[in-house]
Protein backbone atom coordinates (compact mmCIF):
# COMPACT_ATOMS: atom_id res chain seq x y z
CA UNK A 1 43.03 -12.79 -7.24
CA UNK A 2 39.74 -12.25 -5.84
CA UNK A 3 37.48 -15.00 -5.96
CA UNK A 4 33.69 -14.55 -6.93
CA UNK A 5 31.23 -15.56 -4.00
CA UNK A 6 29.20 -18.17 -5.05
CA UNK A 7 25.63 -17.45 -6.34
CA UNK A 8 23.00 -18.44 -3.55
CA UNK A 9 20.49 -20.95 -4.39
CA UNK A 10 16.80 -19.55 -4.12
CA UNK A 11 14.12 -22.12 -3.80
CA UNK A 12 10.86 -20.65 -5.25
CA UNK A 13 7.70 -22.16 -3.52
CA UNK A 14 4.49 -22.11 -5.66
CA UNK A 15 1.67 -23.81 -3.98
CA UNK A 16 -1.35 -24.48 -6.49
CA UNK A 17 -4.90 -25.91 -6.66
CA UNK A 18 -6.79 -26.37 -9.56
CA UNK A 19 -4.58 -23.99 -11.43
CA UNK A 20 -4.46 -24.39 -15.08
CA UNK A 21 -5.26 -21.30 -17.07
CA UNK A 22 -1.97 -19.55 -15.88
CA UNK A 23 0.21 -22.23 -14.54
CA UNK A 24 2.21 -23.15 -17.49
CA UNK A 25 3.18 -18.82 -17.59
CA UNK A 26 4.15 -18.56 -13.99
CA UNK A 27 6.23 -21.76 -14.19
CA UNK A 28 7.71 -20.69 -17.40
CA UNK A 29 8.84 -17.32 -15.64
CA UNK A 30 10.45 -18.96 -12.95
CA UNK A 31 12.87 -21.23 -15.05
CA UNK A 32 13.39 -18.24 -17.47
CA UNK A 33 15.16 -16.24 -14.70
CA UNK A 34 18.75 -14.87 -15.44
CA UNK A 35 19.82 -15.73 -11.92
CA UNK A 36 19.99 -19.63 -12.90
CA UNK A 37 20.61 -20.95 -9.27
CA UNK A 38 16.95 -21.69 -8.64
CA UNK A 39 14.77 -25.01 -7.47
CA UNK A 40 10.88 -24.79 -8.05
CA UNK A 41 8.84 -26.79 -5.52
CA UNK A 42 5.37 -27.00 -6.72
CA UNK A 43 3.52 -27.68 -3.95
CA UNK A 44 -0.29 -29.37 -4.93
CA UNK A 45 -2.90 -28.55 -2.39
CA UNK A 46 -5.20 -31.74 -3.43
CA UNK A 47 -5.96 -30.31 -7.02
CA UNK A 48 -7.78 -31.81 -9.89
CA UNK A 49 -6.09 -34.50 -12.02
CA UNK A 50 -5.47 -31.51 -15.02
CA UNK A 51 -3.70 -29.47 -12.68
CA UNK A 52 -1.65 -32.05 -10.97
CA UNK A 53 -0.71 -33.49 -14.62
CA UNK A 54 0.63 -29.67 -15.43
CA UNK A 55 2.99 -29.88 -12.33
CA UNK A 56 4.00 -33.34 -12.74
CA UNK A 57 4.87 -32.78 -16.54
CA UNK A 58 7.20 -29.76 -15.67
CA UNK A 59 8.92 -32.04 -12.89
CA UNK A 60 9.51 -34.60 -15.43
CA UNK A 61 11.05 -32.62 -18.05
CA UNK A 62 13.29 -30.93 -15.48
CA UNK A 63 14.31 -32.96 -12.73
CA UNK A 64 17.14 -31.14 -11.75
CA UNK A 65 15.33 -27.83 -11.09
CA UNK A 66 11.62 -28.73 -10.47
CA UNK A 67 10.18 -30.90 -7.85
CA UNK A 68 6.46 -31.78 -7.15
CA UNK A 69 5.11 -32.20 -3.63
CA UNK A 70 1.89 -32.87 -2.36
CA UNK A 71 0.08 -33.75 1.17
CA UNK A 72 -0.32 -37.23 2.26
CA UNK A 73 -3.35 -38.92 0.22
CA UNK A 74 -3.52 -35.94 -1.86
CA UNK A 75 -5.62 -33.82 0.31
CA UNK A 76 -6.68 -30.34 0.22
CA UNK A 77 -5.44 -28.58 3.31
CA UNK A 78 -5.25 -24.87 2.45
CA UNK A 79 -2.71 -22.11 1.21
CA UNK A 80 -0.84 -21.89 4.33
CA UNK A 81 -0.14 -25.59 5.05
CA UNK A 82 0.62 -26.04 1.58
CA UNK A 83 3.15 -23.02 1.34
CA UNK A 84 4.69 -24.94 4.34
CA UNK A 85 5.01 -28.20 2.50
CA UNK A 86 7.17 -26.31 0.17
CA UNK A 87 9.49 -24.66 3.00
CA UNK A 88 9.92 -27.84 4.86
CA UNK A 89 11.38 -29.42 1.55
CA UNK A 90 13.44 -26.29 0.65
CA UNK A 91 17.07 -26.35 0.30
CA UNK A 92 17.98 -22.91 -0.99
CA UNK A 93 19.73 -20.31 1.17
CA UNK A 94 17.01 -17.83 -0.05
CA UNK A 95 13.04 -18.35 -0.32
CA UNK A 96 10.75 -16.71 -2.71
CA UNK A 97 7.30 -17.18 -3.58
CA UNK A 98 5.23 -17.22 -6.32
CA UNK A 99 1.45 -18.03 -6.99
CA UNK A 100 0.07 -20.19 -10.01
CA UNK A 101 -1.36 -17.24 -11.50
CA UNK A 102 1.50 -14.50 -11.46
CA UNK A 103 4.71 -14.17 -13.29
CA UNK A 104 8.39 -12.57 -13.15
CA UNK A 105 10.26 -10.48 -15.43
CA UNK A 106 13.49 -12.60 -16.66
CA UNK A 107 15.75 -10.15 -14.33
CA UNK A 108 13.28 -10.34 -10.99
CA UNK A 109 15.35 -12.89 -8.90
CA UNK A 110 18.81 -11.40 -9.96
CA UNK A 111 17.79 -7.80 -8.98
CA UNK A 112 16.44 -9.05 -5.48
CA UNK A 113 19.27 -11.49 -4.90
CA UNK A 114 21.90 -8.52 -5.67
CA UNK A 115 19.88 -6.46 -3.13
CA UNK A 116 19.92 -8.49 -0.39
CA UNK A 117 23.37 -9.68 -0.62
CA UNK A 118 24.23 -5.82 -0.53
CA UNK A 119 22.37 -5.52 2.78
CA UNK A 120 23.66 -8.27 4.97
CA UNK A 121 21.79 -6.78 7.96
CA UNK A 122 18.46 -7.49 6.15
CA UNK A 123 16.67 -10.46 6.72
CA UNK A 124 14.22 -10.34 3.78
CA UNK A 125 13.61 -8.00 0.54
CA UNK A 126 10.39 -6.36 0.37
CA UNK A 127 9.13 -5.17 -3.04
CA UNK A 128 6.67 -3.78 -5.47
CA UNK A 129 4.40 -5.69 -7.59
CA UNK A 130 1.98 -4.60 -10.25
CA UNK A 131 -1.86 -4.83 -9.96
CA UNK A 132 -1.89 -6.65 -13.72
CA UNK A 133 -5.24 -5.98 -15.54
CA UNK A 134 -4.32 -5.33 -19.06
CA UNK A 135 -2.78 -9.14 -19.70
CA UNK A 136 -6.68 -9.60 -20.47
CA UNK A 137 -8.23 -6.17 -21.08
CA UNK A 138 -5.89 -3.46 -22.70
CA UNK A 139 -8.19 -0.88 -21.65
CA UNK A 140 -8.20 -1.48 -18.08
CA UNK A 141 -5.56 0.62 -15.64
CA UNK A 142 -2.71 -1.05 -13.97
CA UNK A 143 -0.98 0.20 -11.11
CA UNK A 144 2.19 -0.38 -9.05
CA UNK A 145 1.58 -1.07 -5.44
CA UNK A 146 3.04 1.52 -2.93
CA UNK A 147 6.02 0.88 -0.66
CA UNK A 148 6.39 2.70 2.74
CA UNK A 149 9.86 3.94 2.23
CA UNK A 150 11.98 4.55 -0.78
CA UNK A 151 13.78 1.64 -2.30
CA UNK A 152 16.85 0.73 -0.80
CA UNK A 153 15.91 1.74 2.82
CA UNK A 154 16.61 -0.67 5.49
CA UNK A 155 13.57 -0.86 7.90
CA UNK A 156 14.16 -2.23 11.43
CA UNK A 157 11.70 -4.46 12.96
CA UNK A 158 8.63 -4.01 13.77
CA UNK A 159 8.60 -0.92 11.15
CA UNK A 160 7.20 -2.51 7.91
CA UNK A 161 3.98 -4.57 10.24
CA UNK A 162 3.49 -1.03 11.88
CA UNK A 163 3.36 0.91 8.34
CA UNK A 164 1.15 -2.31 6.75
CA UNK A 165 -1.55 -1.78 9.97
CA UNK A 166 -1.59 1.93 8.87
CA UNK A 167 -2.22 1.52 5.44
CA UNK A 168 -2.93 -1.77 4.16
CA UNK A 169 -1.90 -1.28 0.73
CA UNK A 170 1.87 -1.00 2.02
CA UNK A 171 1.72 -5.12 2.33
CA UNK A 172 3.98 -6.87 0.17
CA UNK A 173 2.45 -9.43 -2.02
CA UNK A 174 4.46 -12.93 -1.87
CA UNK A 175 5.33 -12.36 -5.42
CA UNK A 176 7.81 -9.78 -4.15
CA UNK A 177 9.49 -11.20 -1.43
CA UNK A 178 12.82 -12.89 -0.98
CA UNK A 179 13.68 -14.18 2.37
CA UNK A 180 16.57 -16.02 4.01
CA UNK A 181 15.57 -19.43 4.69
CA UNK A 182 17.18 -19.37 8.19
CA UNK A 183 13.96 -17.11 9.49
CA UNK A 184 11.71 -19.47 8.11
CA UNK A 185 11.88 -22.40 10.19
CA UNK A 186 11.17 -20.49 13.67
CA UNK A 187 8.97 -17.86 12.40
CA UNK A 188 6.64 -19.84 9.91
CA UNK A 189 4.46 -21.65 12.68
CA UNK A 190 0.54 -19.95 11.89
CA UNK A 191 -2.16 -22.12 13.40
CA UNK A 192 -4.65 -23.61 10.70
CA UNK A 193 -7.21 -20.70 10.84
CA UNK A 194 -5.17 -19.12 7.91
CA UNK A 195 -6.34 -21.35 5.00
CA UNK A 196 -6.93 -18.81 2.18
CA UNK A 197 -7.07 -15.15 3.05
CA UNK A 198 -4.10 -13.62 4.98
CA UNK A 199 -2.01 -16.58 5.37
CA UNK A 200 0.45 -14.70 3.35
CA UNK A 201 0.12 -11.43 5.90
CA UNK A 202 0.44 -13.68 8.80
CA UNK A 203 3.74 -15.23 7.21
CA UNK A 204 4.74 -11.94 6.90
CA UNK A 205 4.34 -10.84 10.53
CA UNK A 206 6.72 -13.26 12.01
CA UNK A 207 9.00 -12.05 9.92
CA UNK A 208 8.65 -8.27 10.47
CA UNK A 209 8.71 -8.35 14.16
CA UNK A 210 11.99 -10.34 13.99
CA UNK A 211 14.15 -9.10 10.96
CA UNK A 212 14.88 -6.03 9.18
CA UNK A 213 13.80 -5.56 5.58
CA UNK A 214 15.23 -3.62 2.45
CA UNK A 215 13.15 -2.14 0.52
CA UNK A 216 13.33 -2.87 -3.43
CA UNK A 217 12.64 -0.34 -6.20
CA UNK A 218 12.72 -3.49 -8.90
CA UNK A 219 9.22 -3.67 -11.05
CA UNK A 220 9.44 -7.02 -12.14
CA UNK A 221 6.78 -8.77 -10.35
CA UNK A 222 3.47 -9.19 -12.04
CA UNK A 223 0.30 -9.88 -9.73
CA UNK A 224 -2.48 -10.93 -12.16
CA UNK A 225 -5.83 -9.70 -11.44
CA UNK A 226 -8.74 -12.09 -12.40
CA UNK A 227 -12.28 -13.34 -11.14
CA UNK A 228 -11.08 -16.60 -9.89
CA UNK A 229 -8.23 -15.45 -7.77
CA UNK A 230 -8.41 -16.01 -3.80
CA UNK A 231 -9.04 -12.30 -3.16
CA UNK A 232 -11.81 -11.82 -6.00
CA UNK A 233 -13.92 -14.81 -4.97
CA UNK A 234 -13.32 -13.70 -1.04
CA UNK A 235 -14.61 -10.20 -2.35
CA UNK A 236 -17.60 -11.94 -3.91
CA UNK A 237 -18.91 -13.82 -0.88
CA UNK A 238 -18.58 -10.72 1.24
CA UNK A 239 -15.46 -12.04 3.52
CA UNK A 240 -13.03 -9.59 2.19
CA UNK A 241 -12.64 -6.12 0.88
CA UNK A 242 -9.41 -4.19 0.38
CA UNK A 243 -10.56 -0.92 2.08
CA UNK A 244 -13.63 -1.70 4.24
CA UNK A 245 -13.81 -3.58 7.55
CA UNK A 246 -14.31 -7.56 6.82
CA UNK A 247 -14.11 -10.78 8.55
CA UNK A 248 -10.63 -11.73 7.02
CA UNK A 249 -9.37 -8.83 8.07
CA UNK A 250 -10.84 -9.09 11.70
CA UNK A 251 -9.33 -12.75 11.79
CA UNK A 252 -6.13 -11.49 11.11
CA UNK A 253 -6.07 -8.76 13.55
CA UNK A 254 -7.40 -10.44 16.09
CA UNK A 255 -4.57 -13.35 15.88
CA UNK A 256 -2.02 -10.34 15.78
CA UNK A 257 -3.33 -9.37 19.30
CA UNK A 258 -2.65 -12.70 20.61
CA UNK A 259 0.57 -13.28 18.63
CA UNK A 260 2.30 -9.98 19.26
CA UNK A 261 3.32 -10.46 23.10
CA UNK A 262 5.35 -13.41 22.22
CA UNK A 263 7.45 -11.69 19.51
CA UNK A 264 10.76 -9.67 20.30
CA UNK A 265 8.99 -6.25 19.34
CA UNK A 266 5.48 -7.10 20.06
CA UNK A 267 5.44 -4.12 22.98
CA UNK A 268 6.62 -1.50 20.51
CA UNK A 269 4.54 1.54 21.22
CA UNK A 270 3.73 2.41 17.63
CA UNK A 271 3.25 -1.16 16.65
CA UNK A 272 0.58 -1.49 19.61
CA UNK A 273 -1.09 2.03 18.46
CA UNK A 274 -1.38 1.08 14.87
CA UNK A 275 -3.04 -2.27 16.10
CA UNK A 276 -5.25 -0.54 18.24
CA UNK A 277 -6.48 1.77 15.24
CA UNK A 278 -6.92 -0.84 13.04
CA UNK A 279 -9.00 -2.95 15.49
CA UNK A 280 -11.50 -0.12 16.07
CA UNK A 281 -13.77 -0.53 13.72
CA UNK A 282 -14.28 -4.38 14.68
CA UNK A 283 -14.63 -3.17 18.28
CA UNK A 284 -17.65 -1.21 17.55
CA UNK A 285 -21.03 -2.95 17.25
CA UNK A 286 -22.59 -0.63 14.65
CA UNK A 287 -22.51 -0.35 10.86
CA UNK A 288 -19.69 -3.35 10.85
CA UNK A 289 -21.71 -5.91 12.41
CA UNK A 290 -24.77 -4.95 10.33
CA UNK A 291 -22.24 -5.49 7.29
CA UNK A 292 -21.47 -9.08 8.38
CA UNK A 293 -24.94 -9.74 8.60
CA UNK A 294 -25.96 -8.19 5.17
CA UNK A 295 -22.56 -10.04 3.61
CA UNK A 296 -24.17 -13.49 4.78
CA UNK A 297 -27.42 -12.97 3.27
CA UNK A 298 -25.56 -11.95 0.18
CA UNK A 299 -23.42 -14.97 -0.28
CA UNK A 300 -26.84 -17.08 -0.24
CA UNK A 301 -28.33 -15.05 -3.23
CA UNK A 302 -27.38 -16.16 -6.45
CA UNK A 303 -25.14 -13.57 -8.88
CA UNK A 304 -27.93 -12.66 -11.17
CA UNK A 305 -30.30 -11.81 -8.41
CA UNK A 306 -27.94 -9.45 -6.90
CA UNK A 307 -27.28 -7.85 -10.14
CA UNK A 308 -30.92 -7.03 -10.96
CA UNK A 309 -31.34 -6.03 -7.30
CA UNK A 310 -28.53 -3.38 -7.46
CA UNK A 311 -29.94 -2.32 -10.71
CA UNK A 312 -33.54 -1.78 -9.06
CA UNK A 313 -31.72 0.46 -6.36
CA UNK A 314 -29.90 2.58 -8.61
CA UNK A 315 -33.04 3.23 -10.91
CA UNK A 316 -34.97 4.26 -7.80
CA UNK A 317 -32.30 6.56 -6.34
CA UNK A 318 -31.88 8.27 -9.54
CA UNK A 319 -35.59 8.82 -10.26
CA UNK A 320 -36.35 10.25 -6.79
CA UNK A 321 -37.12 13.95 -6.43
CA UNK A 322 -34.09 15.84 -4.53
CA UNK A 323 -34.89 17.60 -1.39
CA UNK A 324 -32.88 20.50 -1.38
CA UNK A 325 -33.54 21.69 2.23
CA UNK A 326 -30.99 23.96 3.76
CA UNK A 327 -28.83 23.76 0.76
CA UNK A 328 -31.17 25.80 -1.35
CA UNK A 329 -29.22 29.09 -1.27
CA UNK A 330 -26.79 30.90 -3.28
CA UNK A 331 -24.85 31.37 -0.05
CA UNK A 332 -22.60 28.95 1.67
CA UNK A 333 -23.14 27.75 4.76
CA UNK A 334 -19.85 28.92 5.97
CA UNK A 335 -17.06 30.88 3.85
CA UNK A 336 -14.21 29.68 6.86
CA UNK A 337 -13.75 26.06 5.16
CA UNK A 338 -16.14 24.76 8.30
CA UNK A 339 -13.99 26.02 10.64
CA UNK A 340 -16.63 27.76 12.45
CA UNK A 341 -18.79 24.44 12.34
CA UNK A 342 -16.19 21.96 13.86
CA UNK A 343 -13.22 21.98 11.35
CA UNK A 344 -12.84 21.38 7.72
CA UNK A 345 -13.49 18.05 6.05
CA UNK A 346 -10.22 17.96 4.09
CA UNK A 347 -8.02 18.06 7.18
CA UNK A 348 -9.83 14.48 7.98
CA UNK A 349 -8.09 13.35 4.64
CA UNK A 350 -4.59 15.37 5.06
CA UNK A 351 -4.37 13.83 8.31
CA UNK A 352 -5.10 10.38 7.31
CA UNK A 353 -2.39 10.42 4.79
CA UNK A 354 -0.05 12.04 6.97
CA UNK A 355 -0.82 9.14 9.75
CA UNK A 356 -0.37 6.53 7.02
CA UNK A 357 2.99 7.75 5.82
CA UNK A 358 4.01 8.80 9.24
CA UNK A 359 7.12 6.63 9.41
CA UNK A 360 8.86 8.73 6.77
CA UNK A 361 8.38 11.72 8.62
CA UNK A 362 11.80 11.39 10.38
CA UNK A 363 15.12 12.92 10.61
CA UNK A 364 15.62 16.40 9.25
CA UNK A 365 12.10 17.58 8.53
CA UNK A 366 10.80 20.62 6.55
CA UNK A 367 7.31 21.73 6.78
CA UNK A 368 5.45 25.03 5.56
CA UNK A 369 3.85 27.38 7.77
CA UNK A 370 4.75 25.76 11.26
CA UNK A 371 6.14 22.32 12.54
CA UNK A 372 2.45 21.21 13.82
CA UNK A 373 2.46 18.02 11.68
CA UNK A 374 5.99 17.28 11.97
CA UNK A 375 5.70 17.07 15.65
CA UNK A 376 2.43 15.31 15.71
CA UNK A 377 3.34 12.52 13.17
CA UNK A 378 6.98 12.62 13.22
CA UNK A 379 7.44 12.39 17.13
CA UNK A 380 10.79 11.07 18.46
CA UNK A 381 11.67 10.02 15.07
CA UNK A 382 12.35 13.58 14.21
CA UNK A 383 15.85 14.98 14.73
CA UNK A 384 15.62 18.62 13.52
CA UNK A 385 12.34 20.47 12.38
CA UNK A 386 12.75 23.35 9.85
CA UNK A 387 9.95 25.62 8.92
CA UNK A 388 9.69 27.28 5.58
CA UNK A 389 7.29 30.68 5.18
CA UNK A 390 7.05 32.90 2.20
CA UNK A 391 7.78 35.97 4.57
CA UNK A 392 9.49 36.12 7.91
CA UNK A 393 7.98 37.29 11.25
CA UNK A 394 6.03 34.02 11.70
CA UNK A 395 6.92 31.78 14.64
CA UNK A 396 9.38 28.83 14.29
CA UNK A 397 10.54 30.05 10.81
CA UNK A 398 14.25 28.98 9.76
CA UNK A 399 13.91 29.54 6.24
CA UNK A 400 12.14 32.52 4.30
CA UNK A 401 11.94 31.52 0.78
CA UNK A 402 9.27 31.30 -2.50
CA UNK A 403 9.35 27.40 -3.60
CA UNK A 404 9.48 28.59 -7.17
CA UNK A 405 12.75 30.49 -6.56
CA UNK A 406 14.60 29.63 -3.57
CA UNK A 407 18.30 29.49 -3.74
CA UNK A 408 18.50 30.01 -0.02
CA UNK A 409 17.18 26.57 0.57
CA UNK A 410 20.02 23.94 1.23
CA UNK A 411 20.35 21.11 -1.56
CA UNK A 412 20.29 17.54 -0.48
CA UNK A 413 19.28 18.39 3.18
CA UNK A 414 15.84 17.26 4.22
CA UNK A 415 14.72 13.30 4.78
CA UNK A 416 10.96 14.44 4.53
CA UNK A 417 9.25 17.79 3.52
CA UNK A 418 5.32 18.07 4.57
CA UNK A 419 3.67 20.33 2.26
CA UNK A 420 -0.20 20.29 3.14
CA UNK A 421 -2.12 22.63 0.99
CA UNK A 422 0.66 24.88 -0.19
CA UNK A 423 1.57 24.59 -3.86
CA UNK A 424 -1.87 25.79 -4.95
CA UNK A 425 -0.48 29.11 -4.03
CA UNK A 426 2.86 28.97 -6.21
CA UNK A 427 2.11 30.07 -9.95
CA UNK A 428 5.45 28.32 -11.20
CA UNK A 429 4.80 24.54 -10.33
CA UNK A 430 7.36 23.08 -12.20
CA UNK A 431 9.86 25.14 -10.52
CA UNK A 432 8.55 24.56 -6.96
CA UNK A 433 8.88 20.64 -7.98
CA UNK A 434 12.36 21.37 -9.09
CA UNK A 435 13.01 22.86 -5.86
CA UNK A 436 11.46 20.15 -3.65
CA UNK A 437 13.43 17.45 -5.53
CA UNK A 438 16.65 19.37 -5.05
CA UNK A 439 16.41 20.01 -1.31
CA UNK A 440 15.36 16.60 -0.32
CA UNK A 441 18.40 13.82 0.55
CA UNK A 442 18.46 10.85 -1.73
CA UNK A 443 16.12 8.79 0.00
CA UNK A 444 14.20 11.51 0.83
CA UNK A 445 10.45 12.09 0.82
CA UNK A 446 7.85 14.48 -0.27
CA UNK A 447 4.62 14.51 1.18
CA UNK A 448 2.31 17.03 -0.27
CA UNK A 449 -1.44 17.55 -0.35
CA UNK A 450 -3.38 19.75 -2.88
CA UNK A 451 -6.99 21.26 -3.10
CA UNK A 452 -9.03 19.19 -5.53
CA UNK A 453 -12.45 20.31 -5.46
CA UNK A 454 -12.61 23.42 -2.93
CA UNK A 455 -13.52 26.58 -2.14
CA UNK A 456 -10.96 29.49 -2.71
CA UNK A 457 -9.85 31.13 0.43
CA UNK A 458 -11.30 34.40 1.52
CA UNK A 459 -8.45 35.53 3.61
CA UNK A 460 -5.03 37.20 2.48
CA UNK A 461 -3.92 33.90 0.68
CA UNK A 462 -6.86 34.50 -2.02
CA UNK A 463 -4.71 36.73 -4.13
CA UNK A 464 -2.36 34.00 -4.84
CA UNK A 465 -4.54 31.05 -4.91
CA UNK A 466 -3.78 30.14 -8.56
CA UNK A 467 -4.64 26.17 -9.02
CA UNK A 468 -6.96 23.14 -8.19
CA UNK A 469 -5.12 19.96 -9.47
CA UNK A 470 -6.43 16.52 -10.22
CA UNK A 471 -4.71 13.39 -9.79
CA UNK A 472 -3.51 13.21 -13.28
CA UNK A 473 -2.13 17.09 -13.29
CA UNK A 474 -0.21 16.05 -9.96
CA UNK A 475 1.07 12.65 -11.17
CA UNK A 476 2.81 14.60 -14.29
CA UNK A 477 4.08 17.63 -12.12
CA UNK A 478 5.69 15.40 -9.69
CA UNK A 479 6.46 12.59 -11.93
CA UNK A 480 8.52 15.02 -14.35
CA UNK A 481 10.94 15.87 -11.52
CA UNK A 482 11.41 12.59 -9.46
CA UNK A 483 10.43 9.90 -11.96
CA UNK A 484 7.20 8.66 -12.61
CA UNK A 485 8.04 5.15 -10.89
CA UNK A 486 8.79 7.12 -7.81
CA UNK A 487 5.38 9.12 -7.69
CA UNK A 488 2.22 7.66 -6.00
CA UNK A 489 -0.97 9.98 -6.08
CA UNK A 490 -4.03 9.30 -4.17
CA UNK A 491 -7.35 11.07 -4.31
CA UNK A 492 -9.78 11.36 -1.46
CA UNK A 493 -13.61 12.47 -1.02
CA UNK A 494 -16.67 11.54 -3.11
CA UNK A 495 -19.72 13.48 -4.38
CA UNK A 496 -21.10 14.15 -0.83
CA UNK A 497 -18.12 15.24 0.92
CA UNK A 498 -16.98 17.47 -2.04
CA UNK A 499 -20.46 19.19 -1.87
CA UNK A 500 -20.27 19.33 2.01
CA UNK A 501 -16.83 21.12 1.71
CA UNK A 502 -17.90 23.56 -0.93
CA UNK A 503 -20.80 24.37 1.75
CA UNK A 504 -18.58 24.63 4.46
CA UNK A 505 -20.21 21.77 6.22
CA UNK A 506 -18.00 21.01 9.62
CA UNK A 507 -16.18 17.61 9.82
CA UNK A 508 -18.25 16.35 13.11
CA UNK A 509 -21.40 16.93 10.64
CA UNK A 510 -20.63 13.86 8.66
CA UNK A 511 -20.82 10.11 9.50
CA UNK A 512 -17.61 8.25 9.64
CA UNK A 513 -18.77 5.94 6.48
CA UNK A 514 -19.72 9.02 4.28
CA UNK A 515 -15.96 10.02 4.77
CA UNK A 516 -14.42 6.49 3.84
CA UNK A 517 -15.75 6.30 0.27
CA UNK A 518 -13.35 7.27 -2.32
CA UNK A 519 -14.94 8.08 -5.71
CA UNK A 520 -12.23 8.93 -8.30
CA UNK A 521 -14.63 11.21 -10.14
CA UNK A 522 -15.10 13.67 -7.09
CA UNK A 523 -11.31 13.96 -5.97
CA UNK A 524 -11.80 16.55 -3.01
CA UNK A 525 -8.16 16.30 -1.95
CA UNK A 526 -5.03 15.19 -3.79
CA UNK A 527 -2.21 13.58 -1.94
CA UNK A 528 1.18 13.05 -3.23
CA UNK A 529 4.06 10.67 -2.03
CA UNK A 530 7.44 11.21 -4.05
CA UNK A 531 10.60 9.68 -3.39
CA UNK A 532 14.32 10.76 -4.22
CA UNK A 533 15.96 7.46 -5.05
CA UNK A 534 19.15 6.51 -3.47
CA UNK A 535 21.66 6.10 -6.19
CA UNK A 536 22.39 2.42 -5.30
CA UNK A 537 18.80 1.58 -6.23
CA UNK A 538 16.02 2.43 -8.46
């Protein structure tokens, strides 16, 4: 008779500082886990009496499962030191983290523990978290944070860190981590500069350079969004922004520059290239330096004053006369998408999307038209490149088919399909989505872009240019075939880039900060990443 392997103890580290409003909910969600072998470590960062009392009450009520910890003299030492306090006291084989304002679904730990046990080669589980706004505002929009690989994928170091540097949204929130404790005593020695922002990403960087990670498809961690959170406060005082250069990110990146050479994978070429690209905005002395000066001034102004100033600026701009200049014509500046003026604007966004997702351009890859992007963004990760065209006679073509009716394309064959600005020319879009799902291997990834706001081609393809999509229509189209939970849709562009693209203005004629702004009301380009799940993990 086979004896079941004993269930591992999970040490849950919960640092807190003056947590009151959501503290009980967070604690209760840990103790309600269906994986019962849990010790909860409540780590006090010098909180006021009301917060400390909540933690001590839970520890007194459930002494076998909850422990209260504090710094010597009830000192306030910052999040990193307080998390380290819990790690030093942890006794479990596995360690998880939950902030005092977040919650888990009851099955969260059971799923993550089972996944890690089924992948003994992995040192940690990296999952998704729910950007949770509707807990307070039912009209708000929640969203699941993306992962850089499909669920069930084991990522060798330093792949996760490289992906995060290419796209910050791929970072795993601490509430979605499960780590083998044996990795942490040696890895977790981050210096005191990380007292609030990025201390969690510094911890992750130490692990991602030493241990493989397995991606979880579980959607059981709820990352509560509210004005009192650490990131919300940092955004208000100008020291952090999720998509623009900021002082907190610069501090983290400069720490990485000195830390990576001490790690086993710190000389990885892709990691070094990703770090250099991430550092580029901070090495220039122009707009970013000015933004830091402006942020320092803003922090000194009362919020009411800032609200009035923003309103005045908006009204002044809306009332100003419009100067049409060279745009007061019914003929566009270019009918060639800007190719004759330095290159199309949409290619900036297409290539950014592919660069951010380049880790999955690997194995056997199918691209439409030619294999240029496969070679450029896949490099040595690609073992075989195929090219699909609707007609024969094009160089590199290995398959000739219409995506809406393509029985000649093999099923479960491709690790990645790269499809840029193609599907607008397929009339039967649902049939094309079915084909794309069928030809991908389990765990394979579709990377597709569509025109949102765009001129229609003036060449031979104009005769079959049927569609312009929106983020919603792209999401439904792919979600109905791949499953909504396996599809991520992003839009790029703003009113300026949309007008410029319609006019045929070239990419070099716009400034970088103008290209960076994303306005959801003007989706110039739609990008879709769809994962075909592995059967072992959904």
